[in-house]
N, C-alpha and C. Protein backbone atom coordinates (compact mmCIF):
# COMPACT_ATOMS: atom_id res chain seq x y z
N MET A 1 -3.24 -5.90 10.29
CA MET A 1 -4.01 -5.19 9.72
C MET A 1 -3.32 -4.56 8.42
N PHE A 2 -3.63 -4.81 7.30
CA PHE A 2 -2.97 -4.36 6.11
C PHE A 2 -3.22 -2.99 5.71
N LEU A 3 -2.09 -2.30 5.33
CA LEU A 3 -2.00 -0.93 4.87
C LEU A 3 -2.98 -0.79 3.60
N SER A 4 -3.79 0.41 3.50
CA SER A 4 -4.41 0.79 2.49
C SER A 4 -3.53 1.21 1.36
N LEU A 5 -4.16 1.16 0.21
CA LEU A 5 -3.45 1.73 -1.24
C LEU A 5 -3.12 3.10 -0.97
N PRO A 6 -3.67 4.04 -0.62
CA PRO A 6 -3.18 5.36 -0.57
C PRO A 6 -1.89 5.76 0.26
N SER A 7 -1.99 4.82 1.46
CA SER A 7 -0.84 4.95 2.38
C SER A 7 0.19 4.28 1.80
N LEU A 8 0.13 3.13 1.14
CA LEU A 8 1.19 2.45 0.59
C LEU A 8 1.81 3.32 -0.70
N THR A 9 0.96 4.10 -1.31
CA THR A 9 1.39 4.76 -2.32
C THR A 9 2.29 5.89 -1.97
N VAL A 10 2.04 6.41 -0.66
CA VAL A 10 2.99 7.39 0.03
C VAL A 10 4.27 6.75 0.74
N LEU A 11 4.00 5.54 1.34
CA LEU A 11 4.95 4.83 2.05
C LEU A 11 6.04 4.22 1.32
N ILE A 12 5.86 3.84 0.14
CA ILE A 12 6.96 2.95 -0.58
C ILE A 12 7.89 3.90 -1.25
N PRO A 13 7.25 5.02 -1.68
CA PRO A 13 8.53 6.18 -2.40
C PRO A 13 9.16 6.66 -1.31
N LEU A 14 8.93 6.92 0.02
CA LEU A 14 9.44 7.25 1.09
C LEU A 14 10.47 6.41 1.50
N VAL A 15 10.23 5.07 1.73
CA VAL A 15 10.95 4.12 1.93
C VAL A 15 12.06 4.03 1.08
N SER A 16 12.02 3.80 -0.30
CA SER A 16 12.97 3.69 -1.59
C SER A 16 13.71 4.91 -1.40
N LEU A 17 13.37 6.07 -0.84
CA LEU A 17 14.09 7.38 -1.20
C LEU A 17 15.09 7.23 0.15
N ALA A 18 14.63 6.70 1.40
CA ALA A 18 15.37 6.67 2.68
C ALA A 18 16.55 5.50 2.09
N GLY A 19 16.12 4.48 1.38
CA GLY A 19 17.20 3.63 1.03
C GLY A 19 18.28 4.14 0.15
N LEU A 20 17.79 4.81 -0.83
CA LEU A 20 18.59 5.66 -1.76
C LEU A 20 19.72 6.52 -0.94
N SER A 21 18.95 7.23 -0.16
CA SER A 21 19.93 8.38 0.32
C SER A 21 21.02 7.49 1.52
N TYR A 22 20.55 6.59 2.19
CA TYR A 22 21.40 5.67 2.76
C TYR A 22 22.60 5.03 2.05
N SER A 23 22.17 4.36 0.73
CA SER A 23 23.29 3.79 -0.17
C SER A 23 24.22 5.11 -0.46
N ALA A 24 23.73 6.28 -0.65
CA ALA A 24 24.49 7.41 -1.25
C ALA A 24 25.50 7.72 -0.11
N SER A 25 25.21 7.79 1.12
CA SER A 25 26.03 7.95 2.15
C SER A 25 26.87 6.89 2.64
N VAL A 26 26.54 5.70 2.31
CA VAL A 26 27.45 4.61 2.68
C VAL A 26 28.22 4.23 1.85
N GLU A 27 27.69 4.13 0.65
CA GLU A 27 28.91 3.69 -0.67
C GLU A 27 29.75 4.90 -1.10
N GLU A 28 31.14 4.35 -1.26
CA GLU A 28 31.98 5.60 -1.33
C GLU A 28 32.16 5.89 -2.96
N ASN A 29 31.96 4.97 -3.87
CA ASN A 29 31.57 5.42 -5.21
C ASN A 29 30.26 4.98 -5.79
N PHE A 30 29.30 6.12 -5.07
CA PHE A 30 27.84 5.71 -5.34
C PHE A 30 27.47 5.34 -6.65
N PRO A 31 27.69 6.23 -7.52
CA PRO A 31 26.90 5.94 -9.11
C PRO A 31 27.48 4.74 -9.79
N GLN A 32 28.77 4.65 -9.50
CA GLN A 32 29.47 3.70 -10.27
C GLN A 32 29.40 2.36 -9.55
N GLY A 33 29.46 2.31 -8.35
CA GLY A 33 29.39 1.06 -7.48
C GLY A 33 28.15 0.25 -7.40
N CYS A 34 26.94 0.97 -8.04
CA CYS A 34 25.79 0.26 -8.14
C CYS A 34 25.65 -0.64 -9.21
N THR A 35 26.50 -0.97 -9.91
CA THR A 35 26.51 -1.86 -11.11
C THR A 35 26.22 -3.39 -10.62
N ASN A 36 26.79 -3.69 -9.30
CA ASN A 36 27.08 -5.11 -8.65
C ASN A 36 25.59 -5.42 -8.13
N THR A 37 25.02 -6.49 -8.67
CA THR A 37 23.59 -6.84 -8.02
C THR A 37 23.72 -7.55 -6.68
N THR A 38 24.88 -7.77 -6.12
CA THR A 38 24.87 -8.08 -4.78
C THR A 38 24.88 -7.04 -3.75
N SER A 39 25.15 -5.69 -4.31
CA SER A 39 25.02 -4.31 -3.60
C SER A 39 23.86 -3.95 -3.23
N LEU A 40 23.68 -3.37 -1.92
CA LEU A 40 22.37 -2.84 -1.65
C LEU A 40 22.22 -1.40 -2.32
N CYS A 41 23.03 -0.93 -3.06
CA CYS A 41 22.77 0.22 -3.71
C CYS A 41 22.03 -0.12 -4.95
N PHE A 42 22.54 -1.27 -5.60
CA PHE A 42 21.66 -1.57 -6.83
C PHE A 42 20.11 -1.81 -6.58
N TYR A 43 19.70 -2.42 -5.44
CA TYR A 43 18.30 -2.30 -5.30
C TYR A 43 17.62 -1.22 -4.74
N SER A 44 18.51 -0.15 -4.10
CA SER A 44 17.85 1.05 -3.85
C SER A 44 17.52 1.99 -4.93
N LEU A 45 18.30 1.65 -6.27
CA LEU A 45 18.18 2.33 -7.50
C LEU A 45 17.12 1.54 -8.17
N LEU A 46 17.00 0.30 -8.08
CA LEU A 46 16.06 -0.52 -8.98
C LEU A 46 14.60 -0.30 -8.14
N LEU A 47 14.40 -0.25 -7.30
CA LEU A 47 12.97 -0.05 -6.70
C LEU A 47 12.31 1.24 -7.07
N PRO A 48 12.87 2.19 -6.95
CA PRO A 48 12.09 3.48 -7.58
C PRO A 48 11.81 3.30 -9.01
N ILE A 49 12.61 2.59 -9.74
CA ILE A 49 12.25 2.46 -11.06
C ILE A 49 11.06 1.50 -11.37
N THR A 50 11.16 0.29 -10.42
CA THR A 50 10.13 -0.91 -10.66
C THR A 50 8.96 -0.56 -10.29
N ILE A 51 8.67 0.23 -9.27
CA ILE A 51 7.19 0.56 -8.81
C ILE A 51 6.57 1.22 -9.98
N PRO A 52 7.08 2.31 -10.54
CA PRO A 52 6.02 2.99 -11.56
C PRO A 52 5.89 2.13 -12.52
N VAL A 53 6.92 1.34 -13.08
CA VAL A 53 6.73 0.88 -14.26
C VAL A 53 5.51 -0.37 -14.09
N TYR A 54 5.49 -1.10 -12.89
CA TYR A 54 4.68 -2.05 -12.35
C TYR A 54 3.15 -1.45 -12.50
N VAL A 55 3.13 -0.13 -11.78
CA VAL A 55 1.66 0.54 -11.87
C VAL A 55 1.25 0.78 -12.99
N PHE A 56 2.14 1.37 -13.96
CA PHE A 56 1.79 1.72 -15.55
C PHE A 56 1.19 0.37 -16.13
N PHE A 57 1.84 -0.58 -16.00
CA PHE A 57 1.50 -1.75 -16.74
C PHE A 57 0.20 -2.53 -16.03
N HIS A 58 0.11 -2.28 -14.92
CA HIS A 58 -1.06 -2.75 -14.20
C HIS A 58 -2.23 -2.03 -14.67
N LEU A 59 -2.10 -0.87 -14.68
CA LEU A 59 -3.43 0.06 -15.19
C LEU A 59 -3.53 -0.06 -16.64
N TRP A 60 -2.56 -0.26 -17.43
CA TRP A 60 -2.66 -0.61 -18.87
C TRP A 60 -3.45 -1.88 -19.19
N THR A 61 -3.02 -2.94 -18.44
CA THR A 61 -3.77 -4.11 -18.41
C THR A 61 -5.29 -3.94 -18.03
N TRP A 62 -5.67 -3.31 -16.80
CA TRP A 62 -6.94 -2.98 -16.55
C TRP A 62 -7.66 -2.31 -17.64
N MET A 63 -7.19 -1.26 -17.98
CA MET A 63 -7.77 -0.35 -19.14
C MET A 63 -7.91 -1.36 -20.46
N GLY A 64 -7.16 -2.21 -20.64
CA GLY A 64 -7.37 -3.06 -21.87
C GLY A 64 -8.57 -3.98 -21.57
N ILE A 65 -8.84 -4.41 -20.38
CA ILE A 65 -9.81 -5.43 -20.11
C ILE A 65 -10.94 -4.60 -20.06
N LYS A 66 -11.06 -3.38 -19.46
CA LYS A 66 -12.27 -2.41 -19.40
C LYS A 66 -12.76 -2.34 -21.00
N LEU A 67 -11.82 -1.95 -21.77
CA LEU A 67 -12.22 -1.63 -23.18
C LEU A 67 -12.49 -2.85 -23.98
N PHE A 68 -12.10 -4.01 -23.65
CA PHE A 68 -12.33 -5.13 -24.23
C PHE A 68 -13.76 -5.63 -23.77
N ARG A 69 -14.14 -5.51 -22.76
CA ARG A 69 -15.25 -5.92 -22.20
C ARG A 69 -16.50 -5.05 -22.65
N HIS A 70 -16.14 -3.73 -22.79
CA HIS A 70 -17.52 -2.78 -23.12
C HIS A 70 -17.60 -2.67 -24.55
N ASN A 71 -16.59 -3.24 -25.35
CA ASN A 71 -16.78 -3.19 -27.00
C ASN A 71 -17.35 -4.46 -27.68
């Protein structure tokens, strides 16, 4: 069974926040050590930034299609 969109909207930020807090507790030099792409810390910071950007551009594309079709 797949999760619905409202539950994913709540679940994904909670999981990324849990990963971010885990990285902050495990990494000794948390903000400076996150520049290496092989680090778990890098991806725990990348995920909360990537998801809103994806949603914004997805909605922007959908709105462009709706405006193009109705004009």
